[in-house]
C-alpha atoms as a PDB file:
ATOM      1  CA  UNK A   1     -20.574  12.166  15.322  1.00  0.00           C
ATOM      2  CA  UNK A   2     -16.749  12.256  15.652  1.00  0.00           C
ATOM      3  CA  UNK A   3     -14.529  14.656  17.590  1.00  0.00           C
ATOM      4  CA  UNK A   4     -14.104  17.072  14.678  1.00  0.00           C
ATOM      5  CA  UNK A   5     -17.868  17.288  14.096  1.00  0.00           C
ATOM      6  CA  UNK A   6     -18.418  18.032  17.792  1.00  0.00           C
ATOM      7  CA  UNK A   7     -15.798  20.775  17.660  1.00  0.00           C
ATOM      8  CA  UNK A   8     -17.410  22.232  14.513  1.00  0.00           C
ATOM      9  CA  UNK A   9     -20.794  22.266  16.239  1.00  0.00           C
ATOM     10  CA  UNK A  10     -19.307  23.961  19.307  1.00  0.00           C
ATOM     11  CA  UNK A  11     -17.615  26.499  17.012  1.00  0.00           C
ATOM     12  CA  UNK A  12     -20.901  27.466  15.369  1.00  0.00           C
ATOM     13  CA  UNK A  13     -22.771  27.675  18.673  1.00  0.00           C
ATOM     14  CA  UNK A  14     -20.165  29.984  20.239  1.00  0.00           C
ATOM     15  CA  UNK A  15     -18.828  31.746  17.152  1.00  0.00           C
ATOM     16  CA  UNK A  16     -19.292  35.323  18.413  1.00  0.00           C
ATOM     17  CA  UNK A  17     -17.495  34.824  21.728  1.00  0.00           C
ATOM     18  CA  UNK A  18     -15.151  32.044  20.655  1.00  0.00           C
ATOM     19  CA  UNK A  19     -11.697  32.408  22.247  1.00  0.00           C
ATOM     20  CA  UNK A  20      -8.491  32.210  20.253  1.00  0.00           C
ATOM     21  CA  UNK A  21      -7.534  28.737  21.441  1.00  0.00           C
ATOM     22  CA  UNK A  22     -10.736  27.261  19.952  1.00  0.00           C
ATOM     23  CA  UNK A  23      -9.573  28.282  16.477  1.00  0.00           C
ATOM     24  CA  UNK A  24      -6.217  26.647  17.110  1.00  0.00           C
ATOM     25  CA  UNK A  25      -7.934  23.466  18.272  1.00  0.00           C
ATOM     26  CA  UNK A  26     -10.109  23.374  15.187  1.00  0.00           C
ATOM     27  CA  UNK A  27      -7.093  23.980  12.943  1.00  0.00           C
ATOM     28  CA  UNK A  28      -5.222  21.061  14.538  1.00  0.00           C
ATOM     29  CA  UNK A  29      -8.218  18.795  14.051  1.00  0.00           C
ATOM     30  CA  UNK A  30      -8.619  19.877  10.410  1.00  0.00           C
ATOM     31  CA  UNK A  31      -4.907  19.304   9.853  1.00  0.00           C
ATOM     32  CA  UNK A  32      -5.143  15.821  11.340  1.00  0.00           C
ATOM     33  CA  UNK A  33      -8.261  14.949   9.337  1.00  0.00           C
ATOM     34  CA  UNK A  34      -6.876  16.324   6.059  1.00  0.00           C
ATOM     35  CA  UNK A  35      -3.612  14.457   6.541  1.00  0.00           C
ATOM     36  CA  UNK A  36      -5.523  11.231   7.187  1.00  0.00           C
ATOM     37  CA  UNK A  37      -7.677  11.717   4.053  1.00  0.00           C
ATOM     38  CA  UNK A  38      -4.663  12.284   1.800  1.00  0.00           C
ATOM     39  CA  UNK A  39      -2.957   9.288   3.395  1.00  0.00           C
ATOM     40  CA  UNK A  40      -5.939   7.154   2.374  1.00  0.00           C
ATOM     41  CA  UNK A  41      -5.795   8.554  -1.174  1.00  0.00           C
ATOM     42  CA  UNK A  42      -2.145   7.502  -1.300  1.00  0.00           C
ATOM     43  CA  UNK A  43      -2.933   4.023   0.101  1.00  0.00           C
ATOM     44  CA  UNK A  44      -5.836   3.436  -2.320  1.00  0.00           C
ATOM     45  CA  UNK A  45      -3.736   4.443  -5.339  1.00  0.00           C
ATOM     46  CA  UNK A  46      -0.934   2.151  -4.124  1.00  0.00           C
ATOM     47  CA  UNK A  47      -3.365  -0.761  -3.715  1.00  0.00           C
ATOM     48  CA  UNK A  48      -4.763  -0.022  -7.173  1.00  0.00           C
ATOM     49  CA  UNK A  49      -1.301  -0.150  -8.747  1.00  0.00           C
ATOM     50  CA  UNK A  50      -0.416  -3.346  -6.854  1.00  0.00           C
ATOM     51  CA  UNK A  51      -3.677  -4.976  -7.945  1.00  0.00           C
ATOM     52  CA  UNK A  52      -3.015  -4.030 -11.572  1.00  0.00           C
ATOM     53  CA  UNK A  53       0.489  -5.528 -11.440  1.00  0.00           C
ATOM     54  CA  UNK A  54      -0.861  -8.712  -9.828  1.00  0.00           C
ATOM     55  CA  UNK A  55      -3.536  -9.089 -12.532  1.00  0.00           C
ATOM     56  CA  UNK A  56      -0.935  -8.602 -15.244  1.00  0.00           C
ATOM     57  CA  UNK A  57       1.326 -11.248 -13.714  1.00  0.00           C
ATOM     58  CA  UNK A  58      -1.570 -13.720 -13.479  1.00  0.00           C
ATOM     59  CA  UNK A  59      -3.089 -13.184 -16.934  1.00  0.00           C
ATOM     60  CA  UNK A  60      -0.165 -12.156 -19.138  1.00  0.00           C
ATOM     61  CA  UNK A  61       0.911 -15.691 -19.988  1.00  0.00           C
ATOM     62  CA  UNK A  62       2.304 -17.039 -23.265  1.00  0.00           C
ATOM     63  CA  UNK A  63      -1.195 -17.411 -24.714  1.00  0.00           C
ATOM     64  CA  UNK A  64      -1.961 -13.746 -24.011  1.00  0.00           C
ATOM     65  CA  UNK A  65       1.191 -12.566 -25.781  1.00  0.00           C
ATOM     66  CA  UNK A  66       0.508 -14.856 -28.737  1.00  0.00           C
ATOM     67  CA  UNK A  67      -2.963 -13.346 -29.140  1.00  0.00           C
ATOM     68  CA  UNK A  68      -1.618  -9.795 -28.810  1.00  0.00           C
ATOM     69  CA  UNK A  69       1.114 -10.567 -31.324  1.00  0.00           C
ATOM     70  CA  UNK A  70      -1.463 -11.973 -33.762  1.00  0.00           C
ATOM     71  CA  UNK A  71      -3.190  -8.580 -33.908  1.00  0.00           C
ATOM     72  CA  UNK A  72       0.163  -6.742 -34.227  1.00  0.00           C
ATOM     73  CA  UNK A  73      -0.037  -5.008 -30.841  1.00  0.00           C
ATOM     74  CA  UNK A  74       2.700  -6.745 -28.857  1.00  0.00           C
ATOM     75  CA  UNK A  75       5.166  -3.852 -28.995  1.00  0.00           C
ATOM     76  CA  UNK A  76       2.399  -1.300 -28.458  1.00  0.00           C
ATOM     77  CA  UNK A  77       1.115  -3.255 -25.440  1.00  0.00           C
ATOM     78  CA  UNK A  78       4.561  -3.308 -23.829  1.00  0.00           C
ATOM     79  CA  UNK A  79       4.964   0.440 -24.418  1.00  0.00           C
ATOM     80  CA  UNK A  80       1.456   1.150 -23.070  1.00  0.00           C
ATOM     81  CA  UNK A  81       2.113  -0.779 -19.871  1.00  0.00           C
ATOM     82  CA  UNK A  82       5.525   0.822 -19.302  1.00  0.00           C
ATOM     83  CA  UNK A  83       4.106   4.326 -19.776  1.00  0.00           C
ATOM     84  CA  UNK A  84       1.102   3.471 -17.600  1.00  0.00           C
ATOM     85  CA  UNK A  85       3.280   2.263 -14.729  1.00  0.00           C
ATOM     86  CA  UNK A  86       5.541   5.305 -14.987  1.00  0.00           C
ATOM     87  CA  UNK A  87       2.670   7.819 -15.013  1.00  0.00           C
ATOM     88  CA  UNK A  88       0.818   6.007 -12.206  1.00  0.00           C
ATOM     89  CA  UNK A  89       4.053   5.972 -10.200  1.00  0.00           C
ATOM     90  CA  UNK A  90       4.418   9.724 -10.742  1.00  0.00           C
ATOM     91  CA  UNK A  91       0.863  10.334  -9.473  1.00  0.00           C
ATOM     92  CA  UNK A  92       1.461   8.130  -6.422  1.00  0.00           C
ATOM     93  CA  UNK A  93       4.621  10.136  -5.705  1.00  0.00           C
ATOM     94  CA  UNK A  94       2.560  13.345  -5.943  1.00  0.00           C
ATOM     95  CA  UNK A  95      -0.018  11.916  -3.509  1.00  0.00           C
ATOM     96  CA  UNK A  96       2.729  11.044  -1.041  1.00  0.00           C
ATOM     97  CA  UNK A  97       4.267  14.510  -1.338  1.00  0.00           C
ATOM     98  CA  UNK A  98       0.846  16.095  -0.782  1.00  0.00           C
ATOM     99  CA  UNK A  99       0.418  13.943   2.330  1.00  0.00           C
ATOM    100  CA  UNK A 100       3.810  15.039   3.680  1.00  0.00           C
ATOM    101  CA  UNK A 101       3.141  18.704   2.934  1.00  0.00           C
ATOM    102  CA  UNK A 102      -0.314  18.674   4.524  1.00  0.00           C
ATOM    103  CA  UNK A 103       1.066  16.892   7.593  1.00  0.00           C
ATOM    104  CA  UNK A 104       3.756  19.560   7.920  1.00  0.00           C
ATOM    105  CA  UNK A 105       1.529  22.577   7.178  1.00  0.00           C
ATOM    106  CA  UNK A 106       2.354  25.369   9.642  1.00  0.00           C
ATOM    107  CA  UNK A 107      -0.528  27.719   8.828  1.00  0.00           C
ATOM    108  CA  UNK A 108      -4.130  27.610   7.671  1.00  0.00           C
ATOM    109  CA  UNK A 109      -3.057  29.261   4.391  1.00  0.00           C
ATOM    110  CA  UNK A 110      -0.524  26.520   3.600  1.00  0.00           C
ATOM    111  CA  UNK A 111      -2.999  23.840   4.602  1.00  0.00           C
ATOM    112  CA  UNK A 112      -5.684  25.294   2.308  1.00  0.00           C
ATOM    113  CA  UNK A 113      -3.195  25.598  -0.539  1.00  0.00           C
ATOM    114  CA  UNK A 114      -2.133  21.968  -0.185  1.00  0.00           C
ATOM    115  CA  UNK A 115      -5.742  20.772   0.054  1.00  0.00           C
ATOM    116  CA  UNK A 116      -6.563  22.516  -3.238  1.00  0.00           C
ATOM    117  CA  UNK A 117      -3.459  21.073  -4.908  1.00  0.00           C
ATOM    118  CA  UNK A 118      -4.340  17.589  -3.667  1.00  0.00           C
ATOM    119  CA  UNK A 119      -7.853  17.835  -5.090  1.00  0.00           C
ATOM    120  CA  UNK A 120      -6.447  18.942  -8.461  1.00  0.00           C
ATOM    121  CA  UNK A 121      -3.918  16.093  -8.584  1.00  0.00           C
ATOM    122  CA  UNK A 122      -6.620  13.502  -7.779  1.00  0.00           C
ATOM    123  CA  UNK A 123      -8.920  14.915 -10.485  1.00  0.00           C
ATOM    124  CA  UNK A 124      -6.067  14.854 -13.029  1.00  0.00           C
ATOM    125  CA  UNK A 125      -5.357  11.247 -12.022  1.00  0.00           C
ATOM    126  CA  UNK A 126      -8.970  10.201 -12.623  1.00  0.00           C
ATOM    127  CA  UNK A 127      -9.010  12.014 -15.989  1.00  0.00           C
ATOM    128  CA  UNK A 128      -5.758  10.278 -16.972  1.00  0.00           C
ATOM    129  CA  UNK A 129      -7.166   6.840 -16.055  1.00  0.00           C
ATOM    130  CA  UNK A 130     -10.367   7.411 -18.052  1.00  0.00           C
ATOM    131  CA  UNK A 131      -8.655   8.878 -21.137  1.00  0.00           C
ATOM    132  CA  UNK A 132      -5.842   6.293 -21.250  1.00  0.00           C
ATOM    133  CA  UNK A 133      -8.305   3.431 -20.690  1.00  0.00           C
ATOM    134  CA  UNK A 134     -10.564   4.717 -23.471  1.00  0.00           C
ATOM    135  CA  UNK A 135      -7.710   5.052 -25.960  1.00  0.00           C
ATOM    136  CA  UNK A 136      -6.304   1.615 -25.082  1.00  0.00           C
ATOM    137  CA  UNK A 137      -9.701  -0.108 -25.376  1.00  0.00           C
ATOM    138  CA  UNK A 138     -10.397   1.573 -28.713  1.00  0.00           C
ATOM    139  CA  UNK A 139      -6.983   0.559 -30.038  1.00  0.00           C
ATOM    140  CA  UNK A 140      -7.472  -3.094 -29.072  1.00  0.00           C
ATOM    141  CA  UNK A 141     -11.029  -3.069 -30.384  1.00  0.00           C
ATOM    142  CA  UNK A 142     -10.020  -1.851 -33.862  1.00  0.00           C
ATOM    143  CA  UNK A 143      -6.946  -4.063 -34.193  1.00  0.00           C
ATOM    144  CA  UNK A 144      -8.831  -7.139 -32.972  1.00  0.00           C
ATOM    145  CA  UNK A 145     -11.538  -6.630 -35.591  1.00  0.00           C
ATOM    146  CA  UNK A 146      -9.032  -5.859 -38.326  1.00  0.00           C
ATOM    147  CA  UNK A 147      -6.501  -8.648 -37.744  1.00  0.00           C
ATOM    148  CA  UNK A 148      -8.707 -11.504 -36.500  1.00  0.00           C
ATOM    149  CA  UNK A 149      -9.707 -13.354 -39.711  1.00  0.00           C
ATOM    150  CA  UNK A 150     -12.878 -14.935 -38.350  1.00  0.00           C
ATOM    151  CA  UNK A 151     -14.168 -11.544 -37.230  1.00  0.00           C
ATOM    152  CA  UNK A 152     -12.946  -9.414 -40.147  1.00  0.00           C
ATOM    153  CA  UNK A 153     -14.573 -11.740 -42.701  1.00  0.00           C
ATOM    154  CA  UNK A 154     -17.955 -11.453 -40.978  1.00  0.00           C
ATOM    155  CA  UNK A 155     -17.654  -7.677 -41.022  1.00  0.00           C
ATOM    156  CA  UNK A 156     -16.713  -7.234 -44.675  1.00  0.00           C
ATOM    157  CA  UNK A 157     -20.124  -5.786 -45.553  1.00  0.00           C
ATOM    158  CA  UNK A 158     -20.193  -3.466 -42.519  1.00  0.00           C
ATOM    159  CA  UNK A 159     -18.783   0.047 -42.817  1.00  0.00           C
ATOM    160  CA  UNK A 160     -15.967   1.075 -40.467  1.00  0.00           C
ATOM    161  CA  UNK A 161     -18.040   4.097 -39.484  1.00  0.00           C
ATOM    162  CA  UNK A 162     -20.660   1.764 -38.019  1.00  0.00           C
ATOM    163  CA  UNK A 163     -18.045  -0.494 -36.443  1.00  0.00           C
ATOM    164  CA  UNK A 164     -16.232   2.394 -34.766  1.00  0.00           C
ATOM    165  CA  UNK A 165     -19.541   3.914 -33.664  1.00  0.00           C
ATOM    166  CA  UNK A 166     -20.571   0.687 -31.925  1.00  0.00           C
ATOM    167  CA  UNK A 167     -17.151   0.447 -30.313  1.00  0.00           C
ATOM    168  CA  UNK A 168     -17.315   4.017 -29.039  1.00  0.00           C
ATOM    169  CA  UNK A 169     -20.726   3.433 -27.468  1.00  0.00           C
ATOM    170  CA  UNK A 170     -19.568   0.263 -25.704  1.00  0.00           C
ATOM    171  CA  UNK A 171     -16.367   1.912 -24.506  1.00  0.00           C
ATOM    172  CA  UNK A 172     -18.254   4.974 -23.225  1.00  0.00           C
ATOM    173  CA  UNK A 173     -20.522   2.679 -21.203  1.00  0.00           C
ATOM    174  CA  UNK A 174     -17.468   0.968 -19.693  1.00  0.00           C
ATOM    175  CA  UNK A 175     -15.842   4.343 -18.961  1.00  0.00           C
ATOM    176  CA  UNK A 176     -18.994   5.564 -17.229  1.00  0.00           C
ATOM    177  CA  UNK A 177     -18.856   2.477 -15.029  1.00  0.00           C
ATOM    178  CA  UNK A 178     -15.163   3.105 -14.360  1.00  0.00           C
ATOM    179  CA  UNK A 179     -15.911   6.754 -13.565  1.00  0.00           C
ATOM    180  CA  UNK A 180     -18.553   5.584 -11.067  1.00  0.00           C
ATOM    181  CA  UNK A 181     -16.015   3.335  -9.349  1.00  0.00           C
ATOM    182  CA  UNK A 182     -13.452   6.138  -9.086  1.00  0.00           C
ATOM    183  CA  UNK A 183     -16.126   8.568  -7.907  1.00  0.00           C
ATOM    184  CA  UNK A 184     -16.924   6.131  -5.122  1.00  0.00           C
ATOM    185  CA  UNK A 185     -13.278   5.539  -4.236  1.00  0.00           C
ATOM    186  CA  UNK A 186     -12.021   9.108  -4.368  1.00  0.00           C
ATOM    187  CA  UNK A 187     -15.175  11.251  -4.491  1.00  0.00           C
ATOM    188  CA  UNK A 188     -16.043  10.851  -0.804  1.00  0.00           C
ATOM    189  CA  UNK A 189     -12.480  11.694   0.224  1.00  0.00           C
ATOM    190  CA  UNK A 190     -12.406  14.764  -2.045  1.00  0.00           C
ATOM    191  CA  UNK A 191     -15.693  16.009  -0.590  1.00  0.00           C
ATOM    192  CA  UNK A 192     -14.260  15.703   2.906  1.00  0.00           C
ATOM    193  CA  UNK A 193     -11.176  17.652   1.818  1.00  0.00           C
ATOM    194  CA  UNK A 194     -13.398  20.371   0.344  1.00  0.00           C
ATOM    195  CA  UNK A 195     -15.347  20.516   3.589  1.00  0.00           C
ATOM    196  CA  UNK A 196     -12.113  20.964   5.541  1.00  0.00           C
ATOM    197  CA  UNK A 197     -11.016  23.680   3.114  1.00  0.00           C
ATOM    198  CA  UNK A 198     -14.259  25.622   3.662  1.00  0.00           C
ATOM    199  CA  UNK A 199     -13.875  25.309   7.426  1.00  0.00           C
ATOM    200  CA  UNK A 200     -10.320  26.643   7.227  1.00  0.00           C
ATOM    201  CA  UNK A 201     -11.499  29.708   5.281  1.00  0.00           C
ATOM    202  CA  UNK A 202     -13.754  30.578   8.206  1.00  0.00           C
ATOM    203  CA  UNK A 203     -10.975  30.413  10.783  1.00  0.00           C
ATOM    204  CA  UNK A 204      -9.630  33.689  12.097  1.00  0.00           C
ATOM    205  CA  UNK A 205      -6.399  33.513  14.105  1.00  0.00           C
END
């Protein structure tokens, strides 16, 4: 049990006769904890972006671009990656701003407001990752089947409705796995933020 949990327990045990300074102590601890949580959200997103760039540098060799060009997606791939980096950079900037605002919060109201905004931004980020990943995978799936001769010839007697249906099922499975990873990475931190938010609502200065 950490210092904040001990202070929470003491708060509940002495709630009726709790002096004013106890509320201030709890607020400072919640501020510190919330700031630390948002800092970790910022760090994780930064590591994620850095890892993605590293993987692209390692695997995007001449052979990769030849294969992408053969299915007529070279230009689209470049555009997708540029947009992805820009949007991810925007989200990381938002996370950093949330961290700065929570760290500088001068009242429980401002702290609660920034906690709620942080949770919303993280949820929008996860939705963006899942939606963009799904669209990108579906695009590559269709173009690979259509413009790879060895594959397209074997699928001549198969309807595109069936082909797309199979692709959607496979992609949904992958997205569920991806959602599980993001739930593990960010879900625990968001739950802690929500817990801090609920504690702040109970404070009375």
